[in-house]
PDB file of all heavy atoms in Angstrom:
ATOM      1  N   ALA A   1     153.688  73.336 136.661  1.00  0.00           N
ATOM      2  CA  ALA A   1     154.150  73.695 138.008  1.00  0.00           C
ATOM      3  C   ALA A   1     155.599  73.205 138.234  1.00  0.00           C
ATOM      4  O   ALA A   1     156.377  73.883 138.916  1.00  0.00           O
ATOM      5  CB  ALA A   1     153.209  73.168 139.084  1.00  0.00           C
ATOM      6  N   GLY A   2     155.962  72.084 137.706  1.00  0.00           N
ATOM      7  CA  GLY A   2     157.238  71.558 137.851  1.00  0.00           C
ATOM      8  C   GLY A   2     158.343  72.369 137.061  1.00  0.00           C
ATOM      9  O   GLY A   2     159.497  72.200 137.314  1.00  0.00           O
ATOM     10  N   LEU A   3     157.883  73.244 136.214  1.00  0.00           N
ATOM     11  CA  LEU A   3     158.822  73.983 135.418  1.00  0.00           C
ATOM     12  C   LEU A   3     159.188  75.344 136.089  1.00  0.00           C
ATOM     13  O   LEU A   3     159.993  76.166 135.530  1.00  0.00           O
ATOM     14  CB  LEU A   3     158.268  74.313 134.048  1.00  0.00           C
ATOM     15  CG  LEU A   3     158.068  73.074 133.114  1.00  0.00           C
ATOM     16  CD1 LEU A   3     157.424  73.437 131.809  1.00  0.00           C
ATOM     17  CD2 LEU A   3     159.324  72.277 132.921  1.00  0.00           C
ATOM     18  N   GLY A   4     158.522  75.602 137.232  1.00  0.00           N
ATOM     19  CA  GLY A   4     158.830  76.813 137.931  1.00  0.00           C
ATOM     20  C   GLY A   4     158.441  78.075 137.205  1.00  0.00           C
ATOM     21  O   GLY A   4     159.185  79.086 137.348  1.00  0.00           O
ATOM     22  N   GLY A   5     157.350  78.069 136.500  1.00  0.00           N
ATOM     23  CA  GLY A   5     156.848  79.267 135.812  1.00  0.00           C
ATOM     24  C   GLY A   5     157.291  79.311 134.321  1.00  0.00           C
ATOM     25  O   GLY A   5     156.793  80.189 133.625  1.00  0.00           O
ATOM     26  N   ALA A   6     158.097  78.388 133.899  1.00  0.00           N
ATOM     27  CA  ALA A   6     158.468  78.348 132.512  1.00  0.00           C
ATOM     28  C   ALA A   6     157.313  77.744 131.711  1.00  0.00           C
ATOM     29  O   ALA A   6     156.382  77.120 132.267  1.00  0.00           O
ATOM     30  CB  ALA A   6     159.699  77.599 132.307  1.00  0.00           C
ATOM     31  N   GLY A   7     157.428  77.824 130.390  1.00  0.00           N
ATOM     32  CA  GLY A   7     156.337  77.316 129.565  1.00  0.00           C
ATOM     33  C   GLY A   7     156.863  76.204 128.628  1.00  0.00           C
ATOM     34  O   GLY A   7     158.048  75.881 128.581  1.00  0.00           O
ATOM     35  N   LEU A   8     155.920  75.537 127.876  1.00  0.00           N
ATOM     36  CA  LEU A   8     156.248  74.545 126.940  1.00  0.00           C
ATOM     37  C   LEU A   8     155.458  74.738 125.647  1.00  0.00           C
ATOM     38  O   LEU A   8     154.310  75.228 125.702  1.00  0.00           O
ATOM     39  CB  LEU A   8     155.890  73.155 127.534  1.00  0.00           C
ATOM     40  CG  LEU A   8     156.841  72.564 128.536  1.00  0.00           C
ATOM     41  CD1 LEU A   8     156.252  71.164 129.048  1.00  0.00           C
ATOM     42  CD2 LEU A   8     158.205  72.268 127.859  1.00  0.00           C
ATOM     43  N   PRO A   9     156.013  74.342 124.541  1.00  0.00           N
ATOM     44  CA  PRO A   9     155.191  74.309 123.316  1.00  0.00           C
ATOM     45  C   PRO A   9     154.009  73.304 123.518  1.00  0.00           C
ATOM     46  O   PRO A   9     154.129  72.367 124.316  1.00  0.00           O
ATOM     47  CB  PRO A   9     156.147  73.770 122.260  1.00  0.00           C
ATOM     48  CG  PRO A   9     157.515  74.051 122.785  1.00  0.00           C
ATOM     49  CD  PRO A   9     157.390  73.945 124.247  1.00  0.00           C
ATOM     50  N   GLN A  10     152.971  73.495 122.817  1.00  0.00           N
ATOM     51  CA  GLN A  10     151.728  72.673 123.026  1.00  0.00           C
ATOM     52  C   GLN A  10     152.058  71.246 122.792  1.00  0.00           C
ATOM     53  O   GLN A  10     151.589  70.387 123.611  1.00  0.00           O
ATOM     54  CB  GLN A  10     150.638  73.152 122.046  1.00  0.00           C
ATOM     55  CG  GLN A  10     149.356  72.291 122.155  1.00  0.00           C
ATOM     56  CD  GLN A  10     148.207  72.784 121.380  1.00  0.00           C
ATOM     57  OE1 GLN A  10     147.754  73.898 121.596  1.00  0.00           O
ATOM     58  NE2 GLN A  10     147.747  71.983 120.382  1.00  0.00           N
ATOM     59  N   ALA A  11     152.805  70.920 121.772  1.00  0.00           N
ATOM     60  CA  ALA A  11     153.059  69.482 121.483  1.00  0.00           C
ATOM     61  C   ALA A  11     153.789  68.800 122.640  1.00  0.00           C
ATOM     62  O   ALA A  11     153.581  67.700 123.030  1.00  0.00           O
ATOM     63  CB  ALA A  11     153.839  69.339 120.175  1.00  0.00           C
ATOM     64  N   ASP A  12     154.818  69.551 123.179  1.00  0.00           N
ATOM     65  CA  ASP A  12     155.593  69.020 124.317  1.00  0.00           C
ATOM     66  C   ASP A  12     154.737  68.935 125.573  1.00  0.00           C
ATOM     67  O   ASP A  12     154.869  67.920 126.243  1.00  0.00           O
ATOM     68  CB  ASP A  12     156.773  69.863 124.557  1.00  0.00           C
ATOM     69  CG  ASP A  12     157.837  69.969 123.426  1.00  0.00           C
ATOM     70  OD1 ASP A  12     157.661  69.003 122.552  1.00  0.00           O
ATOM     71  OD2 ASP A  12     158.686  70.761 123.492  1.00  0.00           O
ATOM     72  N   LEU A  13     153.862  69.850 125.841  1.00  0.00           N
ATOM     73  CA  LEU A  13     153.014  69.818 126.933  1.00  0.00           C
ATOM     74  C   LEU A  13     152.010  68.631 126.918  1.00  0.00           C
ATOM     75  O   LEU A  13     151.809  67.904 127.843  1.00  0.00           O
ATOM     76  CB  LEU A  13     152.233  71.127 127.078  1.00  0.00           C
ATOM     77  CG  LEU A  13     151.361  71.295 128.324  1.00  0.00           C
ATOM     78  CD1 LEU A  13     152.081  70.997 129.648  1.00  0.00           C
ATOM     79  CD2 LEU A  13     150.713  72.679 128.308  1.00  0.00           C
ATOM     80  N   CYS A  14     151.495  68.386 125.665  1.00  0.00           N
ATOM     81  CA  CYS A  14     150.645  67.259 125.514  1.00  0.00           C
ATOM     82  C   CYS A  14     151.338  65.995 125.766  1.00  0.00           C
ATOM     83  O   CYS A  14     150.837  65.049 126.403  1.00  0.00           O
ATOM     84  CB  CYS A  14     150.003  67.263 124.088  1.00  0.00           C
ATOM     85  SG  CYS A  14     148.829  68.550 123.722  1.00  0.00           S
ATOM     86  N   ARG A  15     152.561  65.853 125.281  1.00  0.00           N
ATOM     87  CA  ARG A  15     153.320  64.633 125.435  1.00  0.00           C
ATOM     88  C   ARG A  15     153.711  64.435 126.946  1.00  0.00           C
ATOM     89  O   ARG A  15     153.492  63.309 127.445  1.00  0.00           O
ATOM     90  CB  ARG A  15     154.564  64.658 124.615  1.00  0.00           C
ATOM     91  CG  ARG A  15     155.394  63.369 124.650  1.00  0.00           C
ATOM     92  CD  ARG A  15     156.632  63.383 123.821  1.00  0.00           C
ATOM     93  NE  ARG A  15     157.620  64.466 124.263  1.00  0.00           N
ATOM     94  CZ  ARG A  15     157.801  65.537 123.581  1.00  0.00           C
ATOM     95  NH1 ARG A  15     157.155  65.864 122.466  1.00  0.00           N
ATOM     96  NH2 ARG A  15     158.667  66.389 124.073  1.00  0.00           N
ATOM     97  N   GLU A  16     154.121  65.460 127.612  1.00  0.00           N
ATOM     98  CA  GLU A  16     154.540  65.344 128.985  1.00  0.00           C
ATOM     99  C   GLU A  16     153.351  65.016 129.896  1.00  0.00           C
ATOM    100  O   GLU A  16     153.522  64.264 130.870  1.00  0.00           O
ATOM    101  CB  GLU A  16     155.210  66.649 129.493  1.00  0.00           C
ATOM    102  CG  GLU A  16     156.558  66.891 128.783  1.00  0.00           C
ATOM    103  CD  GLU A  16     157.619  65.998 129.230  1.00  0.00           C
ATOM    104  OE1 GLU A  16     157.555  65.457 130.355  1.00  0.00           O
ATOM    105  OE2 GLU A  16     158.542  65.645 128.430  1.00  0.00           O
ATOM    106  N   ALA A  17     152.206  65.586 129.608  1.00  0.00           N
ATOM    107  CA  ALA A  17     151.010  65.353 130.493  1.00  0.00           C
ATOM    108  C   ALA A  17     150.207  64.225 130.026  1.00  0.00           C
ATOM    109  O   ALA A  17     149.303  63.763 130.755  1.00  0.00           O
ATOM    110  CB  ALA A  17     150.146  66.661 130.469  1.00  0.00           C
ATOM    111  N   GLY A  18     150.447  63.636 128.797  1.00  0.00           N
ATOM    112  CA  GLY A  18     149.680  62.540 128.324  1.00  0.00           C
ATOM    113  C   GLY A  18     148.235  62.903 128.018  1.00  0.00           C
ATOM    114  O   GLY A  18     147.275  62.151 128.237  1.00  0.00           O
ATOM    115  N   VAL A  19     148.051  64.121 127.364  1.00  0.00           N
ATOM    116  CA  VAL A  19     146.723  64.537 127.074  1.00  0.00           C
ATOM    117  C   VAL A  19     146.674  64.943 125.536  1.00  0.00           C
ATOM    118  O   VAL A  19     147.670  65.055 124.909  1.00  0.00           O
ATOM    119  CB  VAL A  19     146.249  65.694 127.934  1.00  0.00           C
ATOM    120  CG1 VAL A  19     146.296  65.376 129.417  1.00  0.00           C
ATOM    121  CG2 VAL A  19     147.209  66.956 127.632  1.00  0.00           C
ATOM    122  N   GLY A  20     145.470  65.166 125.102  1.00  0.00           N
ATOM    123  CA  GLY A  20     145.239  65.618 123.683  1.00  0.00           C
ATOM    124  C   GLY A  20     145.191  67.134 123.602  1.00  0.00           C
ATOM    125  O   GLY A  20     145.045  67.856 124.629  1.00  0.00           O
ATOM    126  N   PRO A  21     145.330  67.709 122.368  1.00  0.00           N
ATOM    127  CA  PRO A  21     145.288  69.171 122.196  1.00  0.00           C
ATOM    128  C   PRO A  21     144.054  69.836 122.750  1.00  0.00           C
ATOM    129  O   PRO A  21     144.031  70.960 123.160  1.00  0.00           O
ATOM    130  CB  PRO A  21     145.457  69.355 120.685  1.00  0.00           C
ATOM    131  CG  PRO A  21     146.087  68.098 120.217  1.00  0.00           C
ATOM    132  CD  PRO A  21     145.609  67.004 121.139  1.00  0.00           C
ATOM    133  N   ALA A  22     142.942  69.058 122.696  1.00  0.00           N
ATOM    134  CA  ALA A  22     141.629  69.644 123.126  1.00  0.00           C
ATOM    135  C   ALA A  22     141.666  70.057 124.606  1.00  0.00           C
ATOM    136  O   ALA A  22     141.026  71.087 124.947  1.00  0.00           O
ATOM    137  CB  ALA A  22     140.506  68.651 122.944  1.00  0.00           C
ATOM    138  N   VAL A  23     142.351  69.296 125.421  1.00  0.00           N
ATOM    139  CA  VAL A  23     142.468  69.645 126.882  1.00  0.00           C
ATOM    140  C   VAL A  23     143.143  71.009 127.056  1.00  0.00           C
ATOM    141  O   VAL A  23     142.730  71.853 127.799  1.00  0.00           O
ATOM    142  CB  VAL A  23     143.175  68.532 127.597  1.00  0.00           C
ATOM    143  CG1 VAL A  23     143.363  68.949 129.075  1.00  0.00           C
ATOM    144  CG2 VAL A  23     142.481  67.275 127.524  1.00  0.00           C
ATOM    145  N   ILE A  24     144.262  71.228 126.278  1.00  0.00           N
ATOM    146  CA  ILE A  24     145.033  72.445 126.329  1.00  0.00           C
ATOM    147  C   ILE A  24     144.163  73.568 125.817  1.00  0.00           C
ATOM    148  O   ILE A  24     144.141  74.663 126.482  1.00  0.00           O
ATOM    149  CB  ILE A  24     146.296  72.357 125.524  1.00  0.00           C
ATOM    150  CG1 ILE A  24     147.107  71.068 125.906  1.00  0.00           C
ATOM    151  CG2 ILE A  24     147.145  73.574 125.639  1.00  0.00           C
ATOM    152  CD1 ILE A  24     147.596  71.060 127.363  1.00  0.00           C
ATOM    153  N   LYS A  25     143.509  73.413 124.691  1.00  0.00           N
ATOM    154  CA  LYS A  25     142.686  74.509 124.177  1.00  0.00           C
ATOM    155  C   LYS A  25     141.560  74.910 125.088  1.00  0.00           C
ATOM    156  O   LYS A  25     141.231  76.140 125.213  1.00  0.00           O
ATOM    157  CB  LYS A  25     142.116  74.104 122.787  1.00  0.00           C
ATOM    158  CG  LYS A  25     143.167  73.935 121.708  1.00  0.00           C
ATOM    159  CD  LYS A  25     142.597  73.443 120.433  1.00  0.00           C
ATOM    160  CE  LYS A  25     143.664  73.309 119.340  1.00  0.00           C
ATOM    161  NZ  LYS A  25     143.125  72.736 118.042  1.00  0.00           N
ATOM    162  N   THR A  26     140.981  73.995 125.789  1.00  0.00           N
ATOM    163  CA  THR A  26     139.913  74.263 126.767  1.00  0.00           C
ATOM    164  C   THR A  26     140.447  75.126 127.867  1.00  0.00           C
ATOM    165  O   THR A  26     139.832  76.172 128.274  1.00  0.00           O
ATOM    166  CB  THR A  26     139.318  73.010 127.253  1.00  0.00           C
ATOM    167  OG1 THR A  26     138.707  72.248 126.209  1.00  0.00           O
ATOM    168  CG2 THR A  26     138.203  73.351 128.303  1.00  0.00           C
ATOM    169  N   LEU A  27     141.631  74.759 128.389  1.00  0.00           N
ATOM    170  CA  LEU A  27     142.231  75.507 129.542  1.00  0.00           C
ATOM    171  C   LEU A  27     142.662  76.884 129.066  1.00  0.00           C
ATOM    172  O   LEU A  27     142.588  77.894 129.863  1.00  0.00           O
ATOM    173  CB  LEU A  27     143.388  74.750 130.108  1.00  0.00           C
ATOM    174  CG  LEU A  27     143.006  73.423 130.804  1.00  0.00           C
ATOM    175  CD1 LEU A  27     144.267  72.648 131.229  1.00  0.00           C
ATOM    176  CD2 LEU A  27     142.185  73.765 132.071  1.00  0.00           C
ATOM    177  N   VAL A  28     143.082  77.054 127.828  1.00  0.00           N
ATOM    178  CA  VAL A  28     143.366  78.347 127.345  1.00  0.00           C
ATOM    179  C   VAL A  28     142.124  79.228 127.252  1.00  0.00           C
ATOM    180  O   VAL A  28     142.146  80.375 127.599  1.00  0.00           O
ATOM    181  CB  VAL A  28     144.094  78.268 125.918  1.00  0.00           C
ATOM    182  CG1 VAL A  28     144.266  79.677 125.260  1.00  0.00           C
ATOM    183  CG2 VAL A  28     145.474  77.638 126.110  1.00  0.00           C
ATOM    184  N   ALA A  29     141.079  78.628 126.759  1.00  0.00           N
ATOM    185  CA  ALA A  29     139.826  79.398 126.618  1.00  0.00           C
ATOM    186  C   ALA A  29     139.275  79.806 127.985  1.00  0.00           C
ATOM    187  O   ALA A  29     138.616  80.926 128.090  1.00  0.00           O
ATOM    188  CB  ALA A  29     138.773  78.465 125.900  1.00  0.00           C
ATOM    189  N   GLN A  30     139.560  78.983 129.035  1.00  0.00           N
ATOM    190  CA  GLN A  30     139.064  79.413 130.344  1.00  0.00           C
ATOM    191  C   GLN A  30     139.999  80.375 131.056  1.00  0.00           C
ATOM    192  O   GLN A  30     139.755  80.797 132.195  1.00  0.00           O
ATOM    193  CB  GLN A  30     138.958  78.153 131.216  1.00  0.00           C
ATOM    194  CG  GLN A  30     137.862  77.171 130.780  1.00  0.00           C
ATOM    195  CD  GLN A  30     137.828  75.888 131.613  1.00  0.00           C
ATOM    196  OE1 GLN A  30     138.557  75.773 132.586  1.00  0.00           O
ATOM    197  NE2 GLN A  30     136.955  74.955 131.287  1.00  0.00           N
ATOM    198  N   GLY A  31     141.150  80.712 130.445  1.00  0.00           N
ATOM    199  CA  GLY A  31     142.092  81.642 131.110  1.00  0.00           C
ATOM    200  C   GLY A  31     143.034  80.959 132.100  1.00  0.00           C
ATOM    201  O   GLY A  31     143.787  81.679 132.789  1.00  0.00           O
ATOM    202  N   VAL A  32     142.960  79.625 132.184  1.00  0.00           N
ATOM    203  CA  VAL A  32     143.826  78.888 133.097  1.00  0.00           C
ATOM    204  C   VAL A  32     145.213  78.822 132.518  1.00  0.00           C
ATOM    205  O   VAL A  32     146.220  78.880 133.232  1.00  0.00           O
ATOM    206  CB  VAL A  32     143.301  77.417 133.344  1.00  0.00           C
ATOM    207  CG1 VAL A  32     144.181  76.685 134.253  1.00  0.00           C
ATOM    208  CG2 VAL A  32     141.904  77.555 133.908  1.00  0.00           C
ATOM    209  N   LEU A  33     145.311  78.746 131.220  1.00  0.00           N
ATOM    210  CA  LEU A  33     146.607  78.730 130.511  1.00  0.00           C
ATOM    211  C   LEU A  33     146.632  79.937 129.557  1.00  0.00           C
ATOM    212  O   LEU A  33     145.584  80.403 129.074  1.00  0.00           O
ATOM    213  CB  LEU A  33     146.839  77.435 129.665  1.00  0.00           C
ATOM    214  CG  LEU A  33     146.776  76.142 130.474  1.00  0.00           C
ATOM    215  CD1 LEU A  33     147.047  74.949 129.470  1.00  0.00           C
ATOM    216  CD2 LEU A  33     147.803  76.087 131.598  1.00  0.00           C
ATOM    217  N   ALA A  34     147.815  80.419 129.265  1.00  0.00           N
ATOM    218  CA  ALA A  34     147.940  81.496 128.318  1.00  0.00           C
ATOM    219  C   ALA A  34     149.066  81.097 127.302  1.00  0.00           C
ATOM    220  O   ALA A  34     150.062  80.460 127.648  1.00  0.00           O
ATOM    221  CB  ALA A  34     148.426  82.789 129.044  1.00  0.00           C
ATOM    222  N   GLU A  35     148.826  81.455 126.056  1.00  0.00           N
ATOM    223  CA  GLU A  35     149.760  81.125 125.013  1.00  0.00           C
ATOM    224  C   GLU A  35     150.299  82.400 124.436  1.00  0.00           C
ATOM    225  O   GLU A  35     149.560  83.444 124.145  1.00  0.00           O
ATOM    226  CB  GLU A  35     148.984  80.371 123.862  1.00  0.00           C
ATOM    227  CG  GLU A  35     149.883  79.801 122.773  1.00  0.00           C
ATOM    228  CD  GLU A  35     149.136  78.997 121.761  1.00  0.00           C
ATOM    229  OE1 GLU A  35     147.866  79.051 121.766  1.00  0.00           O
ATOM    230  OE2 GLU A  35     149.825  78.302 120.956  1.00  0.00           O
ATOM    231  N   GLY A  36     151.652  82.446 124.260  1.00  0.00           N
ATOM    232  CA  GLY A  36     152.268  83.598 123.752  1.00  0.00           C
ATOM    233  C   GLY A  36     153.567  83.317 123.072  1.00  0.00           C
ATOM    234  O   GLY A  36     154.124  82.223 123.224  1.00  0.00           O
ATOM    235  N   GLU A  37     154.085  84.263 122.281  1.00  0.00           N
ATOM    236  CA  GLU A  37     155.343  84.176 121.590  1.00  0.00           C
ATOM    237  C   GLU A  37     156.453  84.631 122.427  1.00  0.00           C
ATOM    238  O   GLU A  37     156.428  85.703 123.058  1.00  0.00           O
ATOM    239  CB  GLU A  37     155.269  84.868 120.237  1.00  0.00           C
ATOM    240  CG  GLU A  37     154.489  84.178 119.199  1.00  0.00           C
ATOM    241  CD  GLU A  37     154.830  84.692 117.797  1.00  0.00           C
ATOM    242  OE1 GLU A  37     155.359  85.826 117.715  1.00  0.00           O
ATOM    243  OE2 GLU A  37     154.508  84.029 116.779  1.00  0.00           O
ATOM    244  N   VAL A  38     157.557  83.884 122.438  1.00  0.00           N
ATOM    245  CA  VAL A  38     158.752  84.229 123.220  1.00  0.00           C
ATOM    246  C   VAL A  38     159.953  83.947 122.262  1.00  0.00           C
ATOM    247  O   VAL A  38     159.825  83.080 121.346  1.00  0.00           O
ATOM    248  CB  VAL A  38     158.924  83.425 124.506  1.00  0.00           C
ATOM    249  CG1 VAL A  38     157.734  83.739 125.443  1.00  0.00           C
ATOM    250  CG2 VAL A  38     158.968  81.927 124.208  1.00  0.00           C
ATOM    251  N   PRO A  39     161.125  84.538 122.488  1.00  0.00           N
ATOM    252  CA  PRO A  39     162.272  84.217 121.683  1.00  0.00           C
ATOM    253  C   PRO A  39     162.607  82.735 121.865  1.00  0.00           C
ATOM    254  O   PRO A  39     162.510  82.150 122.968  1.00  0.00           O
ATOM    255  CB  PRO A  39     163.407  85.081 122.347  1.00  0.00           C
ATOM    256  CG  PRO A  39     162.646  86.195 122.942  1.00  0.00           C
ATOM    257  CD  PRO A  39     161.312  85.636 123.483  1.00  0.00           C
ATOM    258  N   ARG A  40     163.037  82.119 120.793  1.00  0.00           N
ATOM    259  CA  ARG A  40     163.387  80.699 120.804  1.00  0.00           C
ATOM    260  C   ARG A  40     164.573  80.430 121.694  1.00  0.00           C
ATOM    261  O   ARG A  40     164.600  79.444 122.409  1.00  0.00           O
ATOM    262  CB  ARG A  40     163.591  80.193 119.421  1.00  0.00           C
ATOM    263  CG  ARG A  40     163.940  78.654 119.347  1.00  0.00           C
ATOM    264  CD  ARG A  40     164.010  78.211 117.863  1.00  0.00           C
ATOM    265  NE  ARG A  40     162.719  78.307 117.177  1.00  0.00           N
ATOM    266  CZ  ARG A  40     161.797  77.359 117.319  1.00  0.00           C
ATOM    267  NH1 ARG A  40     161.998  76.284 118.059  1.00  0.00           N
ATOM    268  NH2 ARG A  40     160.655  77.521 116.661  1.00  0.00           N
ATOM    269  N   ASP A  41     165.523  81.304 121.667  1.00  0.00           N
ATOM    270  CA  ASP A  41     166.723  81.127 122.473  1.00  0.00           C
ATOM    271  C   ASP A  41     166.588  81.867 123.826  1.00  0.00           C
ATOM    272  O   ASP A  41     166.992  82.984 123.977  1.00  0.00           O
ATOM    273  CB  ASP A  41     167.947  81.647 121.737  1.00  0.00           C
ATOM    274  CG  ASP A  41     168.165  80.940 120.434  1.00  0.00           C
ATOM    275  OD1 ASP A  41     167.831  79.774 120.333  1.00  0.00           O
ATOM    276  OD2 ASP A  41     168.641  81.594 119.491  1.00  0.00           O
ATOM    277  N   LEU A  42     165.967  81.131 124.778  1.00  0.00           N
ATOM    278  CA  LEU A  42     165.734  81.727 126.093  1.00  0.00           C
ATOM    279  C   LEU A  42     166.889  81.416 127.019  1.00  0.00           C
ATOM    280  O   LEU A  42     167.591  80.425 126.896  1.00  0.00           O
ATOM    281  CB  LEU A  42     164.420  81.186 126.683  1.00  0.00           C
ATOM    282  CG  LEU A  42     163.163  81.626 125.992  1.00  0.00           C
ATOM    283  CD1 LEU A  42     162.031  80.849 126.635  1.00  0.00           C
ATOM    284  CD2 LEU A  42     162.947  83.117 126.205  1.00  0.00           C
ATOM    285  N   PRO A  43     167.054  82.239 128.085  1.00  0.00           N
ATOM    286  CA  PRO A  43     168.056  81.970 129.110  1.00  0.00           C
ATOM    287  C   PRO A  43     167.738  80.687 129.820  1.00  0.00           C
ATOM    288  O   PRO A  43     166.596  80.259 129.921  1.00  0.00           O
ATOM    289  CB  PRO A  43     167.954  83.141 130.065  1.00  0.00           C
ATOM    290  CG  PRO A  43     167.419  84.291 129.288  1.00  0.00           C
ATOM    291  CD  PRO A  43     166.474  83.645 128.281  1.00  0.00           C
TER     292      PRO A  43
END
C-alpha cells in the first residue's frame, strides 16, 4: 500500500515485510496478490 500501486520482487517484499516466501505464495493463491512480468526499466 505504501508503494501506491507499484509492485516488488518477491525477495524484496519478503525483506521489507519481514515474512517468509510461504506467506506471499498463500496470498497469491488466494488472489490477494498477483504476480506478473513487467519491463525491468520502469518509469
